[in-house]
PDB file of N, CA and C in Angstrom:
ATOM      1  N   MET A   1      13.175 -41.115   5.901  1.00  0.00           N
ATOM      2  CA  MET A   1      11.888 -41.780   6.218  1.00  0.00           C
ATOM      3  C   MET A   1      11.261 -41.143   7.531  1.00  0.00           C
ATOM      4  N   PRO A   2       9.942 -40.804   7.505  1.00  0.00           N
ATOM      5  CA  PRO A   2       9.362 -40.252   8.553  1.00  0.00           C
ATOM      6  C   PRO A   2       9.284 -41.163   9.800  1.00  0.00           C
ATOM      7  N   THR A   3       9.397 -40.595  10.944  1.00  0.00           N
ATOM      8  CA  THR A   3       9.444 -41.443  12.187  1.00  0.00           C
ATOM      9  C   THR A   3       8.185 -41.094  12.977  1.00  0.00           C
ATOM     10  N   GLY A   4       7.703 -42.148  13.688  1.00  0.00           N
ATOM     11  CA  GLY A   4       6.513 -42.043  14.500  1.00  0.00           C
ATOM     12  C   GLY A   4       6.954 -41.592  15.880  1.00  0.00           C
ATOM     13  N   ALA A   5       5.901 -41.410  16.844  1.00  0.00           N
ATOM     14  CA  ALA A   5       6.175 -40.791  18.134  1.00  0.00           C
ATOM     15  C   ALA A   5       7.177 -41.670  18.881  1.00  0.00           C
ATOM     16  N   ASP A   6       7.289 -42.916  18.586  1.00  0.00           N
ATOM     17  CA  ASP A   6       8.203 -43.850  19.402  1.00  0.00           C
ATOM     18  C   ASP A   6       9.487 -43.951  18.710  1.00  0.00           C
ATOM     19  N   GLY A   7       9.731 -43.121  17.584  1.00  0.00           N
ATOM     20  CA  GLY A   7      11.056 -43.078  16.959  1.00  0.00           C
ATOM     21  C   GLY A   7      11.208 -44.172  15.871  1.00  0.00           C
ATOM     22  N   GLU A   8      10.073 -45.087  15.719  1.00  0.00           N
ATOM     23  CA  GLU A   8      10.305 -46.038  14.639  1.00  0.00           C
ATOM     24  C   GLU A   8       9.934 -45.483  13.349  1.00  0.00           C
ATOM     25  N   GLU A   9      10.558 -45.918  12.274  1.00  0.00           N
ATOM     26  CA  GLU A   9      10.094 -45.523  10.947  1.00  0.00           C
ATOM     27  C   GLU A   9       8.654 -45.869  10.625  1.00  0.00           C
ATOM     28  N   VAL A  10       8.037 -44.799  10.050  1.00  0.00           N
ATOM     29  CA  VAL A  10       6.611 -45.015   9.654  1.00  0.00           C
ATOM     30  C   VAL A  10       6.649 -45.157   7.945  1.00  0.00           C
ATOM     31  N   ILE A  11       6.023 -46.187   7.531  1.00  0.00           N
ATOM     32  CA  ILE A  11       5.927 -46.237   6.102  1.00  0.00           C
ATOM     33  C   ILE A  11       4.532 -45.877   5.596  1.00  0.00           C
ATOM     34  N   GLU A  12       4.495 -44.911   4.635  1.00  0.00           N
ATOM     35  CA  GLU A  12       3.093 -44.562   4.289  1.00  0.00           C
ATOM     36  C   GLU A  12       2.527 -45.823   3.488  1.00  0.00           C
ATOM     37  N   LYS A  13       1.153 -45.974   3.874  1.00  0.00           N
ATOM     38  CA  LYS A  13       0.409 -47.027   3.140  1.00  0.00           C
ATOM     39  C   LYS A  13       0.216 -46.660   1.773  1.00  0.00           C
ATOM     40  N   LEU A  14       0.460 -47.562   0.908  1.00  0.00           N
ATOM     41  CA  LEU A  14       0.099 -47.291  -0.537  1.00  0.00           C
ATOM     42  C   LEU A  14      -1.210 -47.886  -0.765  1.00  0.00           C
ATOM     43  N   TRP A  15      -2.049 -47.171  -1.452  1.00  0.00           N
ATOM     44  CA  TRP A  15      -3.410 -47.714  -1.722  1.00  0.00           C
ATOM     45  C   TRP A  15      -3.441 -48.312  -3.052  1.00  0.00           C
ATOM     46  N   THR A  16      -4.326 -49.284  -3.258  1.00  0.00           N
ATOM     47  CA  THR A  16      -4.724 -49.799  -4.536  1.00  0.00           C
ATOM     48  C   THR A  16      -5.769 -49.051  -5.262  1.00  0.00           C
ATOM     49  N   LYS A  17      -6.072 -49.422  -6.575  1.00  0.00           N
ATOM     50  CA  LYS A  17      -7.208 -48.861  -7.272  1.00  0.00           C
ATOM     51  C   LYS A  17      -8.399 -49.051  -6.414  1.00  0.00           C
ATOM     52  N   LYS A  18      -8.669 -50.239  -5.948  1.00  0.00           N
ATOM     53  CA  LYS A  18      -9.852 -50.556  -5.298  1.00  0.00           C
ATOM     54  C   LYS A  18     -10.041 -49.795  -3.931  1.00  0.00           C
ATOM     55  N   ASP A  19      -8.829 -49.476  -3.289  1.00  0.00           N
ATOM     56  CA  ASP A  19      -8.827 -48.609  -1.979  1.00  0.00           C
ATOM     57  C   ASP A  19      -9.349 -47.187  -2.274  1.00  0.00           C
ATOM     58  N   VAL A  20      -8.759 -46.612  -3.448  1.00  0.00           N
ATOM     59  CA  VAL A  20      -9.094 -45.294  -3.891  1.00  0.00           C
ATOM     60  C   VAL A  20     -10.542 -45.340  -4.304  1.00  0.00           C
ATOM     61  N   ALA A  21     -10.949 -46.219  -5.058  1.00  0.00           N
ATOM     62  CA  ALA A  21     -12.302 -46.213  -5.417  1.00  0.00           C
ATOM     63  C   ALA A  21     -13.320 -46.263  -4.291  1.00  0.00           C
ATOM     64  N   THR A  22     -13.044 -47.045  -3.256  1.00  0.00           N
ATOM     65  CA  THR A  22     -13.810 -47.088  -2.061  1.00  0.00           C
ATOM     66  C   THR A  22     -13.867 -45.796  -1.392  1.00  0.00           C
ATOM     67  N   TYR A  23     -12.666 -45.110  -1.167  1.00  0.00           N
ATOM     68  CA  TYR A  23     -12.488 -43.940  -0.482  1.00  0.00           C
ATOM     69  C   TYR A  23     -13.206 -42.798  -1.193  1.00  0.00           C
ATOM     70  N   LEU A  24     -13.201 -42.871  -2.579  1.00  0.00           N
ATOM     71  CA  LEU A  24     -13.942 -41.671  -3.356  1.00  0.00           C
ATOM     72  C   LEU A  24     -15.391 -42.202  -3.821  1.00  0.00           C
ATOM     73  N   SER A  25     -15.808 -43.349  -3.315  1.00  0.00           N
ATOM     74  CA  SER A  25     -17.112 -43.872  -3.749  1.00  0.00           C
ATOM     75  C   SER A  25     -17.400 -43.810  -5.180  1.00  0.00           C
ATOM     76  N   VAL A  26     -16.526 -44.324  -5.900  1.00  0.00           N
ATOM     77  CA  VAL A  26     -16.578 -44.527  -7.394  1.00  0.00           C
ATOM     78  C   VAL A  26     -16.125 -45.913  -7.794  1.00  0.00           C
ATOM     79  N   ASP A  27     -16.386 -46.092  -9.005  1.00  0.00           N
ATOM     80  CA  ASP A  27     -16.037 -47.526  -9.594  1.00  0.00           C
ATOM     81  C   ASP A  27     -14.520 -47.473  -9.885  1.00  0.00           C
ATOM     82  N   PRO A  28     -13.837 -48.675  -9.677  1.00  0.00           N
ATOM     83  CA  PRO A  28     -12.237 -48.752  -9.968  1.00  0.00           C
ATOM     84  C   PRO A  28     -12.096 -48.283 -11.520  1.00  0.00           C
ATOM     85  N   SER A  29     -12.956 -48.422 -12.385  1.00  0.00           N
ATOM     86  CA  SER A  29     -12.794 -47.970 -13.809  1.00  0.00           C
ATOM     87  C   SER A  29     -12.715 -46.492 -13.902  1.00  0.00           C
ATOM     88  N   THR A  30     -13.333 -45.730 -12.942  1.00  0.00           N
ATOM     89  CA  THR A  30     -13.398 -44.447 -12.905  1.00  0.00           C
ATOM     90  C   THR A  30     -11.971 -43.954 -12.423  1.00  0.00           C
ATOM     91  N   VAL A  31     -11.378 -44.646 -11.390  1.00  0.00           N
ATOM     92  CA  VAL A  31      -9.959 -44.388 -10.979  1.00  0.00           C
ATOM     93  C   VAL A  31      -9.075 -44.450 -12.179  1.00  0.00           C
ATOM     94  N   ARG A  32      -9.184 -45.523 -12.832  1.00  0.00           N
ATOM     95  CA  ARG A  32      -8.409 -45.816 -14.067  1.00  0.00           C
ATOM     96  C   ARG A  32      -8.456 -44.645 -15.029  1.00  0.00           C
ATOM     97  N   ARG A  33      -9.657 -44.240 -15.232  1.00  0.00           N
ATOM     98  CA  ARG A  33      -9.766 -43.108 -16.312  1.00  0.00           C
ATOM     99  C   ARG A  33      -9.202 -41.813 -15.719  1.00  0.00           C
ATOM    100  N   TRP A  34      -9.294 -41.630 -14.340  1.00  0.00           N
ATOM    101  CA  TRP A  34      -8.735 -40.336 -13.850  1.00  0.00           C
ATOM    102  C   TRP A  34      -7.199 -40.404 -13.951  1.00  0.00           C
ATOM    103  N   MET A  35      -6.551 -41.571 -13.838  1.00  0.00           N
ATOM    104  CA  MET A  35      -5.171 -41.839 -13.832  1.00  0.00           C
ATOM    105  C   MET A  35      -4.663 -41.294 -15.239  1.00  0.00           C
ATOM    106  N   ARG A  36      -5.567 -41.600 -16.340  1.00  0.00           N
ATOM    107  CA  ARG A  36      -5.101 -41.324 -17.658  1.00  0.00           C
ATOM    108  C   ARG A  36      -5.497 -39.853 -18.129  1.00  0.00           C
ATOM    109  N   ASP A  37      -6.246 -39.134 -17.209  1.00  0.00           N
ATOM    110  CA  ASP A  37      -6.653 -37.814 -17.693  1.00  0.00           C
ATOM    111  C   ASP A  37      -5.448 -37.020 -17.967  1.00  0.00           C
ATOM    112  N   SER A  38      -5.398 -36.424 -19.221  1.00  0.00           N
ATOM    113  CA  SER A  38      -4.133 -35.578 -19.663  1.00  0.00           C
ATOM    114  C   SER A  38      -4.135 -34.300 -18.967  1.00  0.00           C
ATOM    115  N   ARG A  39      -5.251 -33.689 -18.577  1.00  0.00           N
ATOM    116  CA  ARG A  39      -5.271 -32.391 -18.049  1.00  0.00           C
ATOM    117  C   ARG A  39      -4.830 -32.371 -16.525  1.00  0.00           C
ATOM    118  N   ASN A  40      -5.309 -33.336 -15.805  1.00  0.00           N
ATOM    119  CA  ASN A  40      -5.120 -33.348 -14.268  1.00  0.00           C
ATOM    120  C   ASN A  40      -5.203 -34.746 -13.903  1.00  0.00           C
ATOM    121  N   PRO A  41      -4.185 -35.594 -14.151  1.00  0.00           N
ATOM    122  CA  PRO A  41      -4.225 -36.994 -13.811  1.00  0.00           C
ATOM    123  C   PRO A  41      -4.123 -37.240 -12.222  1.00  0.00           C
ATOM    124  N   LEU A  42      -4.860 -38.202 -11.894  1.00  0.00           N
ATOM    125  CA  LEU A  42      -4.890 -38.654 -10.433  1.00  0.00           C
ATOM    126  C   LEU A  42      -3.357 -39.142 -10.202  1.00  0.00           C
ATOM    127  N   PRO A  43      -2.784 -38.439  -9.194  1.00  0.00           N
ATOM    128  CA  PRO A  43      -1.310 -38.854  -8.857  1.00  0.00           C
ATOM    129  C   PRO A  43      -1.195 -40.221  -8.425  1.00  0.00           C
ATOM    130  N   HIS A  44      -0.337 -41.029  -9.049  1.00  0.00           N
ATOM    131  CA  HIS A  44      -0.004 -42.329  -8.667  1.00  0.00           C
ATOM    132  C   HIS A  44       1.375 -42.792  -8.996  1.00  0.00           C
ATOM    133  N   ARG A  45       1.807 -43.875  -8.623  1.00  0.00           N
ATOM    134  CA  ARG A  45       3.173 -44.445  -8.943  1.00  0.00           C
ATOM    135  C   ARG A  45       2.988 -45.863  -9.118  1.00  0.00           C
ATOM    136  N   TYR A  46       3.898 -46.483  -9.683  1.00  0.00           N
ATOM    137  CA  TYR A  46       3.944 -47.947  -9.919  1.00  0.00           C
ATOM    138  C   TYR A  46       4.789 -48.708  -9.009  1.00  0.00           C
ATOM    139  N   VAL A  47       4.375 -49.840  -8.450  1.00  0.00           N
ATOM    140  CA  VAL A  47       5.189 -50.650  -7.776  1.00  0.00           C
ATOM    141  C   VAL A  47       5.033 -51.988  -8.692  1.00  0.00           C
ATOM    142  N   GLY A  48       6.214 -52.191  -9.334  1.00  0.00           N
ATOM    143  CA  GLY A  48       6.128 -53.359 -10.310  1.00  0.00           C
ATOM    144  C   GLY A  48       5.286 -52.751 -11.420  1.00  0.00           C
ATOM    145  N   ARG A  49       4.292 -53.486 -11.740  1.00  0.00           N
ATOM    146  CA  ARG A  49       3.266 -53.109 -12.797  1.00  0.00           C
ATOM    147  C   ARG A  49       1.989 -52.574 -12.177  1.00  0.00           C
ATOM    148  N   HIS A  50       1.964 -52.441 -10.884  1.00  0.00           N
ATOM    149  CA  HIS A  50       0.617 -52.177 -10.208  1.00  0.00           C
ATOM    150  C   HIS A  50       0.752 -50.708  -9.753  1.00  0.00           C
ATOM    151  N   PRO A  51      -0.413 -49.971 -10.134  1.00  0.00           N
ATOM    152  CA  PRO A  51      -0.453 -48.560  -9.685  1.00  0.00           C
ATOM    153  C   PRO A  51      -0.745 -48.428  -8.235  1.00  0.00           C
ATOM    154  N   ARG A  52      -0.117 -47.484  -7.576  1.00  0.00           N
ATOM    155  CA  ARG A  52      -0.336 -47.356  -6.061  1.00  0.00           C
ATOM    156  C   ARG A  52      -0.440 -45.874  -5.768  1.00  0.00           C
ATOM    157  N   PHE A  53      -1.266 -45.554  -4.723  1.00  0.00           N
ATOM    158  CA  PHE A  53      -1.613 -44.217  -4.452  1.00  0.00           C
ATOM    159  C   PHE A  53      -1.372 -43.847  -2.935  1.00  0.00           C
ATOM    160  N   VAL A  54      -1.100 -42.553  -2.575  1.00  0.00           N
ATOM    161  CA  VAL A  54      -0.797 -42.094  -1.416  1.00  0.00           C
ATOM    162  C   VAL A  54      -2.095 -41.213  -0.982  1.00  0.00           C
ATOM    163  N   LYS A  55      -2.757 -41.382   0.050  1.00  0.00           N
ATOM    164  CA  LYS A  55      -3.999 -40.682   0.447  1.00  0.00           C
ATOM    165  C   LYS A  55      -3.756 -39.101   0.441  1.00  0.00           C
ATOM    166  N   GLN A  56      -2.683 -38.685   0.990  1.00  0.00           N
ATOM    167  CA  GLN A  56      -2.311 -37.262   0.923  1.00  0.00           C
ATOM    168  C   GLN A  56      -2.300 -36.609  -0.334  1.00  0.00           C
ATOM    169  N   GLU A  57      -1.810 -37.386  -1.305  1.00  0.00           N
ATOM    170  CA  GLU A  57      -1.778 -36.981  -2.691  1.00  0.00           C
ATOM    171  C   GLU A  57      -3.155 -36.906  -3.305  1.00  0.00           C
ATOM    172  N   ILE A  58      -4.053 -37.832  -2.930  1.00  0.00           N
ATOM    173  CA  ILE A  58      -5.294 -37.951  -3.504  1.00  0.00           C
ATOM    174  C   ILE A  58      -6.198 -36.742  -2.901  1.00  0.00           C
ATOM    175  N   ASP A  59      -5.990 -36.474  -1.651  1.00  0.00           N
ATOM    176  CA  ASP A  59      -6.743 -35.300  -1.022  1.00  0.00           C
ATOM    177  C   ASP A  59      -6.202 -34.019  -1.741  1.00  0.00           C
ATOM    178  N   ALA A  60      -4.941 -33.910  -1.887  1.00  0.00           N
ATOM    179  CA  ALA A  60      -4.389 -32.657  -2.641  1.00  0.00           C
ATOM    180  C   ALA A  60      -4.941 -32.537  -4.013  1.00  0.00           C
ATOM    181  N   TRP A  61      -5.046 -33.623  -4.726  1.00  0.00           N
ATOM    182  CA  TRP A  61      -5.649 -33.658  -6.109  1.00  0.00           C
ATOM    183  C   TRP A  61      -7.125 -33.311  -6.039  1.00  0.00           C
ATOM    184  N   ILE A  62      -7.932 -33.703  -5.078  1.00  0.00           N
ATOM    185  CA  ILE A  62      -9.212 -33.428  -4.989  1.00  0.00           C
ATOM    186  C   ILE A  62      -9.378 -31.935  -4.736  1.00  0.00           C
ATOM    187  N   ALA A  63      -8.498 -31.343  -3.934  1.00  0.00           N
ATOM    188  CA  ALA A  63      -8.422 -29.857  -3.726  1.00  0.00           C
ATOM    189  C   ALA A  63      -8.365 -28.988  -4.948  1.00  0.00           C
ATOM    190  N   THR A  64      -7.612 -29.583  -5.899  1.00  0.00           N
ATOM    191  CA  THR A  64      -7.396 -28.829  -7.188  1.00  0.00           C
ATOM    192  C   THR A  64      -8.523 -28.837  -8.130  1.00  0.00           C
ATOM    193  N   LEU A  65      -9.593 -29.836  -7.884  1.00  0.00           N
ATOM    194  CA  LEU A  65     -10.604 -29.930  -8.867  1.00  0.00           C
ATOM    195  C   LEU A  65     -11.641 -28.766  -8.548  1.00  0.00           C
ATOM    196  N   ARG A  66     -12.326 -28.374  -9.617  1.00  0.00           N
ATOM    197  CA  ARG A  66     -13.217 -27.267  -9.659  1.00  0.00           C
ATOM    198  C   ARG A  66     -14.364 -27.560  -8.610  1.00  0.00           C
ATOM    199  N   PRO A  67     -14.669 -26.450  -7.866  1.00  0.00           N
ATOM    200  CA  PRO A  67     -15.667 -26.739  -6.818  1.00  0.00           C
ATOM    201  C   PRO A  67     -17.039 -27.128  -7.426  1.00  0.00           C
ATOM    202  N   THR A  68     -17.742 -27.949  -6.764  1.00  0.00           N
ATOM    203  CA  THR A  68     -19.012 -28.332  -7.263  1.00  0.00           C
ATOM    204  C   THR A  68     -19.969 -27.200  -6.906  1.00  0.00           C
ATOM    205  N   ILE A  69     -21.129 -27.257  -7.800  1.00  0.00           N
ATOM    206  CA  ILE A  69     -22.123 -26.219  -7.671  1.00  0.00           C
ATOM    207  C   ILE A  69     -23.077 -26.628  -6.485  1.00  0.00           C
ATOM    208  N   GLU A  70     -23.330 -25.592  -5.672  1.00  0.00           N
ATOM    209  CA  GLU A  70     -24.157 -25.771  -4.521  1.00  0.00           C
ATOM    210  C   GLU A  70     -25.584 -26.048  -5.008  1.00  0.00           C
ATOM    211  N   VAL A  71     -26.388 -26.657  -4.272  1.00  0.00           N
ATOM    212  CA  VAL A  71     -27.734 -27.116  -4.660  1.00  0.00           C
ATOM    213  C   VAL A  71     -28.475 -25.838  -4.829  1.00  0.00           C
ATOM    214  N   PRO A  72     -28.614 -24.831  -4.040  1.00  0.00           N
ATOM    215  CA  PRO A  72     -29.449 -23.650  -4.382  1.00  0.00           C
ATOM    216  C   PRO A  72     -28.964 -22.951  -5.629  1.00  0.00           C
ATOM    217  N   GLU A  73     -27.720 -22.930  -5.782  1.00  0.00           N
ATOM    218  CA  GLU A  73     -27.225 -22.299  -7.052  1.00  0.00           C
ATOM    219  C   GLU A  73     -27.782 -23.081  -8.325  1.00  0.00           C
ATOM    220  N   ALA A  74     -27.615 -24.409  -8.084  1.00  0.00           N
ATOM    221  CA  ALA A  74     -28.032 -25.349  -9.336  1.00  0.00           C
ATOM    222  C   ALA A  74     -29.625 -25.119  -9.474  1.00  0.00           C
ATOM    223  N   MET A  75     -30.327 -24.970  -8.479  1.00  0.00           N
ATOM    224  CA  MET A  75     -31.777 -24.825  -8.682  1.00  0.00           C
ATOM    225  C   MET A  75     -32.039 -23.422  -9.361  1.00  0.00           C
ATOM    226  N   GLY A  76     -31.275 -22.417  -8.949  1.00  0.00           N
ATOM    227  CA  GLY A  76     -31.419 -21.079  -9.692  1.00  0.00           C
ATOM    228  C   GLY A  76     -31.077 -21.210 -11.141  1.00  0.00           C
ATOM    229  N   GLN A  77     -30.092 -21.918 -11.480  1.00  0.00           N
ATOM    230  CA  GLN A  77     -29.674 -22.144 -12.871  1.00  0.00           C
ATOM    231  C   GLN A  77     -30.650 -22.826 -13.555  1.00  0.00           C
ATOM    232  N   ALA A  78     -31.373 -23.807 -12.933  1.00  0.00           N
ATOM    233  CA  ALA A  78     -32.341 -24.662 -13.584  1.00  0.00           C
ATOM    234  C   ALA A  78     -33.675 -23.817 -13.900  1.00  0.00           C
ATOM    235  N   ARG A  79     -33.996 -23.025 -12.941  1.00  0.00           N
ATOM    236  CA  ARG A  79     -35.100 -22.021 -13.082  1.00  0.00           C
ATOM    237  C   ARG A  79     -34.866 -21.098 -14.265  1.00  0.00           C
ATOM    238  N   LEU A  80     -33.633 -20.585 -14.239  1.00  0.00           N
ATOM    239  CA  LEU A  80     -33.182 -19.696 -15.517  1.00  0.00           C
ATOM    240  C   LEU A  80     -33.432 -20.357 -16.771  1.00  0.00           C
ATOM    241  N   GLY A  81     -32.962 -21.615 -16.800  1.00  0.00           N
ATOM    242  CA  GLY A  81     -33.114 -22.380 -17.913  1.00  0.00           C
ATOM    243  C   GLY A  81     -34.486 -22.661 -18.458  1.00  0.00           C
ATOM    244  N   LEU A  82     -35.322 -22.979 -17.341  1.00  0.00           N
ATOM    245  CA  LEU A  82     -36.718 -23.212 -17.618  1.00  0.00           C
ATOM    246  C   LEU A  82     -37.416 -21.996 -18.252  1.00  0.00           C
ATOM    247  N   SER A  83     -37.095 -20.826 -17.416  1.00  0.00           N
ATOM    248  CA  SER A  83     -37.739 -19.447 -17.969  1.00  0.00           C
ATOM    249  C   SER A  83     -37.456 -19.190 -19.414  1.00  0.00           C
ATOM    250  N   TRP A  84     -36.130 -19.558 -19.818  1.00  0.00           N
ATOM    251  CA  TRP A  84     -35.745 -19.268 -21.199  1.00  0.00           C
ATOM    252  C   TRP A  84     -36.470 -20.151 -22.133  1.00  0.00           C
ATOM    253  N   ILE A  85     -36.718 -21.414 -21.778  1.00  0.00           N
ATOM    254  CA  ILE A  85     -37.485 -22.344 -22.496  1.00  0.00           C
ATOM    255  C   ILE A  85     -38.974 -21.950 -22.640  1.00  0.00           C
ATOM    256  N   GLU A  86     -39.498 -21.556 -21.474  1.00  0.00           N
ATOM    257  CA  GLU A  86     -40.837 -21.039 -21.517  1.00  0.00           C
ATOM    258  C   GLU A  86     -41.015 -19.799 -22.347  1.00  0.00           C
ATOM    259  N   GLU A  87     -40.088 -18.875 -22.447  1.00  0.00           N
ATOM    260  CA  GLU A  87     -40.213 -17.662 -23.328  1.00  0.00           C
ATOM    261  C   GLU A  87     -40.158 -18.114 -24.698  1.00  0.00           C
ATOM    262  N   ARG A  88     -39.256 -19.110 -25.099  1.00  0.00           N
ATOM    263  CA  ARG A  88     -39.346 -19.522 -26.593  1.00  0.00           C
ATOM    264  C   ARG A  88     -40.592 -20.339 -26.842  1.00  0.00           C
ATOM    265  N   VAL A  89     -41.191 -20.960 -26.039  1.00  0.00           N
ATOM    266  CA  VAL A  89     -42.505 -21.636 -26.243  1.00  0.00           C
ATOM    267  C   VAL A  89     -43.558 -20.618 -26.487  1.00  0.00           C
ATOM    268  N   GLU A  90     -43.654 -19.566 -25.647  1.00  0.00           N
ATOM    269  CA  GLU A  90     -44.580 -18.584 -25.931  1.00  0.00           C
ATOM    270  C   GLU A  90     -44.303 -17.902 -27.214  1.00  0.00           C
ATOM    271  N   ALA A  91     -43.043 -17.518 -27.491  1.00  0.00           N
ATOM    272  CA  ALA A  91     -42.851 -16.860 -28.821  1.00  0.00           C
ATOM    273  C   ALA A  91     -43.315 -17.707 -29.849  1.00  0.00           C
ATOM    274  N   ALA A  92     -43.092 -19.058 -29.851  1.00  0.00           N
ATOM    275  CA  ALA A  92     -43.425 -19.871 -30.931  1.00  0.00           C
ATOM    276  C   ALA A  92     -44.887 -19.889 -30.975  1.00  0.00           C
ATOM    277  N   ARG A  93     -45.674 -20.028 -29.858  1.00  0.00           N
ATOM    278  CA  ARG A  93     -47.152 -20.032 -29.915  1.00  0.00           C
ATOM    279  C   ARG A  93     -47.725 -18.783 -30.426  1.00  0.00           C
ATOM    280  N   ALA A  94     -47.037 -17.613 -30.240  1.00  0.00           N
ATOM    281  CA  ALA A  94     -47.467 -16.357 -30.764  1.00  0.00           C
ATOM    282  C   ALA A  94     -47.306 -16.304 -32.267  1.00  0.00           C
ATOM    283  N   VAL A  95     -46.252 -16.886 -32.723  1.00  0.00           N
ATOM    284  CA  VAL A  95     -46.137 -16.917 -34.151  1.00  0.00           C
ATOM    285  C   VAL A  95     -47.237 -17.745 -34.842  1.00  0.00           C
ATOM    286  N   LEU A  96     -47.415 -18.830 -34.308  1.00  0.00           N
ATOM    287  CA  LEU A  96     -48.501 -19.881 -34.708  1.00  0.00           C
ATOM    288  C   LEU A  96     -49.871 -19.203 -34.726  1.00  0.00           C
ATOM    289  N   ARG A  97     -50.110 -18.248 -33.677  1.00  0.00           N
ATOM    290  CA  ARG A  97     -51.475 -17.769 -33.680  1.00  0.00           C
ATOM    291  C   ARG A  97     -51.707 -16.721 -34.780  1.00  0.00           C
ATOM    292  N   HIS A  98     -50.628 -16.140 -35.278  1.00  0.00           N
ATOM    293  CA  HIS A  98     -50.821 -15.100 -36.307  1.00  0.00           C
ATOM    294  C   HIS A  98     -50.758 -15.644 -37.672  1.00  0.00           C
TER     295      HIS A  98
END
């Protein structure tokens, strides 16, 4: 057991689904879905029939997730997508004119 500065044993606080949902700003049903994900499940353990979570394990799990796209990069991708659509529309208009 880990010990605190005063030598007393420190017990890690186990979180509930609601605690995790609040921490990650998601609905508890999302936490449940992440627990069942076969590719990269949210780490948890059971105390009786109740799932419990450890903050450090959740933080480590988050670190393994694919990084999010930054806003400027997403805007660039959106512009590319729009230019492709505009090109297709112009090509279709050209075909209709002839």
